[in-house]
Structures are given as structure tokens and as C-alpha cells.
C-alpha atoms as a PDB file:
ATOM      1  CA  UNK A   1     -54.524 -15.211   6.294  1.00  0.00           C
ATOM      2  CA  UNK A   2     -53.357 -12.537   4.006  1.00  0.00           C
ATOM      3  CA  UNK A   3     -52.933 -10.049   6.767  1.00  0.00           C
ATOM      4  CA  UNK A   4     -50.635 -12.855   8.365  1.00  0.00           C
ATOM      5  CA  UNK A   5     -47.977 -13.078   5.147  1.00  0.00           C
ATOM      6  CA  UNK A   6     -47.808  -9.407   4.878  1.00  0.00           C
ATOM      7  CA  UNK A   7     -46.532  -9.369   8.257  1.00  0.00           C
ATOM      8  CA  UNK A   8     -44.287 -12.322   7.975  1.00  0.00           C
ATOM      9  CA  UNK A   9     -42.851 -10.932   4.875  1.00  0.00           C
ATOM     10  CA  UNK A  10     -42.391  -7.483   5.848  1.00  0.00           C
ATOM     11  CA  UNK A  11     -40.409  -9.105   9.300  1.00  0.00           C
ATOM     12  CA  UNK A  12     -38.297 -11.318   7.298  1.00  0.00           C
ATOM     13  CA  UNK A  13     -37.494  -8.322   5.118  1.00  0.00           C
ATOM     14  CA  UNK A  14     -36.682  -6.252   8.153  1.00  0.00           C
ATOM     15  CA  UNK A  15     -34.114  -9.083   9.067  1.00  0.00           C
ATOM     16  CA  UNK A  16     -32.773  -9.036   6.084  1.00  0.00           C
ATOM     17  CA  UNK A  17     -31.902  -5.185   6.561  1.00  0.00           C
ATOM     18  CA  UNK A  18     -30.859  -5.924   9.646  1.00  0.00           C
ATOM     19  CA  UNK A  19     -28.473  -8.622   8.930  1.00  0.00           C
ATOM     20  CA  UNK A  20     -26.958  -6.549   5.950  1.00  0.00           C
ATOM     21  CA  UNK A  21     -26.297  -3.653   7.925  1.00  0.00           C
ATOM     22  CA  UNK A  22     -24.533  -6.131  10.684  1.00  0.00           C
ATOM     23  CA  UNK A  23     -22.414  -8.031   7.654  1.00  0.00           C
ATOM     24  CA  UNK A  24     -21.364  -4.873   5.509  1.00  0.00           C
ATOM     25  CA  UNK A  25     -20.672  -2.226   8.238  1.00  0.00           C
ATOM     26  CA  UNK A  26     -17.874  -3.537  10.241  1.00  0.00           C
ATOM     27  CA  UNK A  27     -15.644  -4.220   6.939  1.00  0.00           C
ATOM     28  CA  UNK A  28     -14.471  -0.434   5.908  1.00  0.00           C
ATOM     29  CA  UNK A  29     -11.104  -1.497   6.048  1.00  0.00           C
ATOM     30  CA  UNK A  30     -11.650  -5.165   4.429  1.00  0.00           C
ATOM     31  CA  UNK A  31      -9.996  -5.613   0.740  1.00  0.00           C
ATOM     32  CA  UNK A  32      -7.604  -2.294   1.132  1.00  0.00           C
ATOM     33  CA  UNK A  33      -4.124  -2.175   0.781  1.00  0.00           C
ATOM     34  CA  UNK A  34      -2.222  -1.006   3.944  1.00  0.00           C
ATOM     35  CA  UNK A  35       1.005  -0.319   5.471  1.00  0.00           C
ATOM     36  CA  UNK A  36       2.782   0.846   8.670  1.00  0.00           C
ATOM     37  CA  UNK A  37       6.076   2.325   9.332  1.00  0.00           C
ATOM     38  CA  UNK A  38       8.241   1.753  12.212  1.00  0.00           C
ATOM     39  CA  UNK A  39      11.108   3.272  13.603  1.00  0.00           C
ATOM     40  CA  UNK A  40      12.704   0.530  15.382  1.00  0.00           C
ATOM     41  CA  UNK A  41       9.660  -0.842  17.500  1.00  0.00           C
ATOM     42  CA  UNK A  42       7.884   2.628  17.583  1.00  0.00           C
ATOM     43  CA  UNK A  43       4.914   3.134  15.027  1.00  0.00           C
ATOM     44  CA  UNK A  44       5.222   6.231  13.557  1.00  0.00           C
ATOM     45  CA  UNK A  45       3.097   5.982  10.335  1.00  0.00           C
ATOM     46  CA  UNK A  46      -0.180   3.636   9.558  1.00  0.00           C
ATOM     47  CA  UNK A  47      -2.382   4.319   6.203  1.00  0.00           C
ATOM     48  CA  UNK A  48      -4.570   2.740   3.971  1.00  0.00           C
ATOM     49  CA  UNK A  49      -3.567   3.342   0.458  1.00  0.00           C
ATOM     50  CA  UNK A  50      -7.221   4.851  -0.317  1.00  0.00           C
ATOM     51  CA  UNK A  51      -7.256   7.267   2.052  1.00  0.00           C
ATOM     52  CA  UNK A  52      -6.811  10.847   0.976  1.00  0.00           C
ATOM     53  CA  UNK A  53      -3.085  11.721   0.683  1.00  0.00           C
ATOM     54  CA  UNK A  54      -1.566  13.096   3.866  1.00  0.00           C
ATOM     55  CA  UNK A  55       1.826  15.305   4.113  1.00  0.00           C
ATOM     56  CA  UNK A  56       3.546  11.611   5.436  1.00  0.00           C
ATOM     57  CA  UNK A  57       6.713  12.668   5.713  1.00  0.00           C
ATOM     58  CA  UNK A  58       9.047  10.723   7.798  1.00  0.00           C
ATOM     59  CA  UNK A  59      11.150  12.580   9.849  1.00  0.00           C
ATOM     60  CA  UNK A  60      14.911  10.781  10.606  1.00  0.00           C
ATOM     61  CA  UNK A  61      16.944  13.742  11.586  1.00  0.00           C
ATOM     62  CA  UNK A  62      16.899  12.596  15.229  1.00  0.00           C
ATOM     63  CA  UNK A  63      17.118   9.015  14.199  1.00  0.00           C
ATOM     64  CA  UNK A  64      20.337   6.965  15.882  1.00  0.00           C
ATOM     65  CA  UNK A  65      23.146   5.898  13.806  1.00  0.00           C
ATOM     66  CA  UNK A  66      21.984   2.159  14.781  1.00  0.00           C
ATOM     67  CA  UNK A  67      18.259   2.487  14.221  1.00  0.00           C
ATOM     68  CA  UNK A  68      16.212   0.918  11.918  1.00  0.00           C
ATOM     69  CA  UNK A  69      12.928   1.742  10.018  1.00  0.00           C
ATOM     70  CA  UNK A  70      10.807  -1.137   9.294  1.00  0.00           C
ATOM     71  CA  UNK A  71       7.457  -1.583   6.897  1.00  0.00           C
ATOM     72  CA  UNK A  72       5.139  -3.952   7.112  1.00  0.00           C
ATOM     73  CA  UNK A  73       2.562  -3.563   3.519  1.00  0.00           C
ATOM     74  CA  UNK A  74      -0.272  -5.757   3.810  1.00  0.00           C
ATOM     75  CA  UNK A  75      -2.157  -6.397   0.600  1.00  0.00           C
ATOM     76  CA  UNK A  76      -5.972  -6.911   0.331  1.00  0.00           C
ATOM     77  CA  UNK A  77      -6.208 -10.533  -1.324  1.00  0.00           C
ATOM     78  CA  UNK A  78      -3.822 -13.940  -0.907  1.00  0.00           C
ATOM     79  CA  UNK A  79      -2.074 -14.095   2.278  1.00  0.00           C
ATOM     80  CA  UNK A  80      -1.981 -10.295   2.303  1.00  0.00           C
ATOM     81  CA  UNK A  81       2.294 -10.270   2.406  1.00  0.00           C
ATOM     82  CA  UNK A  82       3.580  -9.690  -1.322  1.00  0.00           C
ATOM     83  CA  UNK A  83       5.994 -11.514  -3.205  1.00  0.00           C
ATOM     84  CA  UNK A  84       9.168 -10.271  -5.064  1.00  0.00           C
ATOM     85  CA  UNK A  85       8.816  -7.062  -2.511  1.00  0.00           C
ATOM     86  CA  UNK A  86      11.105  -4.320  -2.613  1.00  0.00           C
ATOM     87  CA  UNK A  87      11.512  -0.707  -1.242  1.00  0.00           C
ATOM     88  CA  UNK A  88      12.923   2.178  -3.145  1.00  0.00           C
ATOM     89  CA  UNK A  89      14.033   5.450  -2.480  1.00  0.00           C
ATOM     90  CA  UNK A  90      13.030   7.776  -5.922  1.00  0.00           C
ATOM     91  CA  UNK A  91      13.877  11.485  -6.427  1.00  0.00           C
ATOM     92  CA  UNK A  92      11.775  14.206  -7.346  1.00  0.00           C
ATOM     93  CA  UNK A  93      11.652  13.211 -11.314  1.00  0.00           C
ATOM     94  CA  UNK A  94      10.550   9.439 -10.413  1.00  0.00           C
ATOM     95  CA  UNK A  95      14.489   8.057 -11.025  1.00  0.00           C
ATOM     96  CA  UNK A  96      14.987   5.306  -8.566  1.00  0.00           C
ATOM     97  CA  UNK A  97      18.323   6.244  -6.095  1.00  0.00           C
ATOM     98  CA  UNK A  98      18.372   3.133  -4.074  1.00  0.00           C
ATOM     99  CA  UNK A  99      16.427  -0.261  -3.922  1.00  0.00           C
ATOM    100  CA  UNK A 100      16.098  -2.879  -1.892  1.00  0.00           C
ATOM    101  CA  UNK A 101      14.690  -6.091  -2.437  1.00  0.00           C
ATOM    102  CA  UNK A 102      12.977  -8.519   0.005  1.00  0.00           C
ATOM    103  CA  UNK A 103      12.593 -12.158   0.355  1.00  0.00           C
ATOM    104  CA  UNK A 104       8.878 -13.210  -0.192  1.00  0.00           C
ATOM    105  CA  UNK A 105       7.188 -12.879   3.034  1.00  0.00           C
ATOM    106  CA  UNK A 106       5.340 -15.671   5.294  1.00  0.00           C
ATOM    107  CA  UNK A 107       4.004 -15.885   8.404  1.00  0.00           C
ATOM    108  CA  UNK A 108       7.080 -14.733  10.473  1.00  0.00           C
ATOM    109  CA  UNK A 109       8.668 -12.244   7.881  1.00  0.00           C
ATOM    110  CA  UNK A 110       6.280  -9.640   7.219  1.00  0.00           C
ATOM    111  CA  UNK A 111       8.621  -6.902   7.897  1.00  0.00           C
ATOM    112  CA  UNK A 112      11.193  -5.200   5.346  1.00  0.00           C
ATOM    113  CA  UNK A 113      13.926  -3.514   7.377  1.00  0.00           C
ATOM    114  CA  UNK A 114      16.191  -0.558   5.863  1.00  0.00           C
ATOM    115  CA  UNK A 115      18.339   0.991   8.088  1.00  0.00           C
ATOM    116  CA  UNK A 116      18.005   4.258   9.037  1.00  0.00           C
ATOM    117  CA  UNK A 117      22.013   5.796   8.094  1.00  0.00           C
ATOM    118  CA  UNK A 118      21.393   4.353   4.592  1.00  0.00           C
ATOM    119  CA  UNK A 119      18.798   6.641   4.214  1.00  0.00           C
ATOM    120  CA  UNK A 120      19.866   9.591   5.874  1.00  0.00           C
ATOM    121  CA  UNK A 121      22.970   9.197   3.779  1.00  0.00           C
ATOM    122  CA  UNK A 122      21.155   9.400   0.632  1.00  0.00           C
ATOM    123  CA  UNK A 123      19.223  12.523   2.351  1.00  0.00           C
ATOM    124  CA  UNK A 124      22.386  14.283   2.436  1.00  0.00           C
ATOM    125  CA  UNK A 125      23.638  13.197  -0.909  1.00  0.00           C
ATOM    126  CA  UNK A 126      20.686  14.631  -2.901  1.00  0.00           C
ATOM    127  CA  UNK A 127      19.954  17.508  -0.564  1.00  0.00           C
ATOM    128  CA  UNK A 128      18.334  19.739  -3.141  1.00  0.00           C
ATOM    129  CA  UNK A 129      15.796  17.488  -4.151  1.00  0.00           C
ATOM    130  CA  UNK A 130      12.520  16.041  -2.795  1.00  0.00           C
ATOM    131  CA  UNK A 131      13.473  12.304  -1.799  1.00  0.00           C
ATOM    132  CA  UNK A 132      10.550   9.340  -1.566  1.00  0.00           C
ATOM    133  CA  UNK A 133       9.645   5.871  -0.523  1.00  0.00           C
ATOM    134  CA  UNK A 134       8.171   3.662  -2.719  1.00  0.00           C
ATOM    135  CA  UNK A 135       7.116  -0.041  -2.473  1.00  0.00           C
ATOM    136  CA  UNK A 136       6.579  -2.438  -5.212  1.00  0.00           C
ATOM    137  CA  UNK A 137       5.772  -6.207  -5.293  1.00  0.00           C
ATOM    138  CA  UNK A 138       4.479  -8.844  -7.791  1.00  0.00           C
ATOM    139  CA  UNK A 139       1.297  -7.835  -6.784  1.00  0.00           C
ATOM    140  CA  UNK A 140       1.887  -4.606  -7.093  1.00  0.00           C
ATOM    141  CA  UNK A 141       4.194  -4.053  -9.909  1.00  0.00           C
ATOM    142  CA  UNK A 142       3.757  -0.113 -10.837  1.00  0.00           C
ATOM    143  CA  UNK A 143       4.251   0.587  -6.851  1.00  0.00           C
ATOM    144  CA  UNK A 144       2.888   2.308  -4.157  1.00  0.00           C
ATOM    145  CA  UNK A 145       3.953   5.724  -2.766  1.00  0.00           C
ATOM    146  CA  UNK A 146       4.707   5.379   1.092  1.00  0.00           C
ATOM    147  CA  UNK A 147       6.099   8.282   2.445  1.00  0.00           C
ATOM    148  CA  UNK A 148       8.718  11.250   1.683  1.00  0.00           C
ATOM    149  CA  UNK A 149      11.438  11.888   3.157  1.00  0.00           C
ATOM    150  CA  UNK A 150      11.872  15.227   4.046  1.00  0.00           C
END
């Protein structure tokens, strides 16, 4: 009788371990903020915020005058779309050179769109500075560095 209960306990333990691997093995990116940057409808950058820092440089010199940059930022909590969203271009000292405010996202209004000409004008005006693109929202008031413009 004891042998049978030990065998049952061992089998239950094996099933529990297998279920744990199945439940947690496929959720590596669950709970992480992420963003995608599109030039028109072409994905040019996709990043999870905890990934190691990459160069993340947006090269817009070949972009056309009427091209649009669209940024989709997804938060790990709530409905995934932020409230009080903004995108800012900052110089190397952290000074905000330009800021765009966007309406709260809903199921159909996820992306934040900026005309590429506005970004290239800032690049020309501040040619000797490193410029960076930042996202902020009520959920992320300190903001997040998305990419460098050069």
C-alpha cells in the first residue's frame, strides 16, 4: 500500500512540474513594455524595453518628404495602450526640442504618427548634436528612450 501512494505522489509531482513548464515556458515576453516603429507601413524597429541596449538608430535620410513615422507603444499592464501619451525629441543634454501629444489610445487608435519632415528639420537645425526620440505617458511619466535619430 505504501509503495502505491509513493508512486502516486511521484506521478503527481511529475505532472505538476510538467504543467509548470508549460504554463511559464511560453510567457517570456508577457509583462514587458514593447514598441514598434514603422516608416509608413514598413516595420523598421521592434524592441522590448528590457532587452539589452542596441544601437537603435533611425536613419531617415532616405525618407521621402511625405513619409510618416508611426510608433506603437504597448504597456505591460491595463489595456496595453497608454494615456496622456507623448513623443519628444531631446538633445544630448536632455533638453526637449520638440514634443508631440497624442490622444489616449483605444482599440483602433494605437499608433502615434509624426511627419518625417518634422524630424529631419530638427536634425538639420541641430546638426552637431545627438538627438533622441522618447516616449512618455501617465503610465510611464519618466519616459523611455526609443531610438537615436542619427
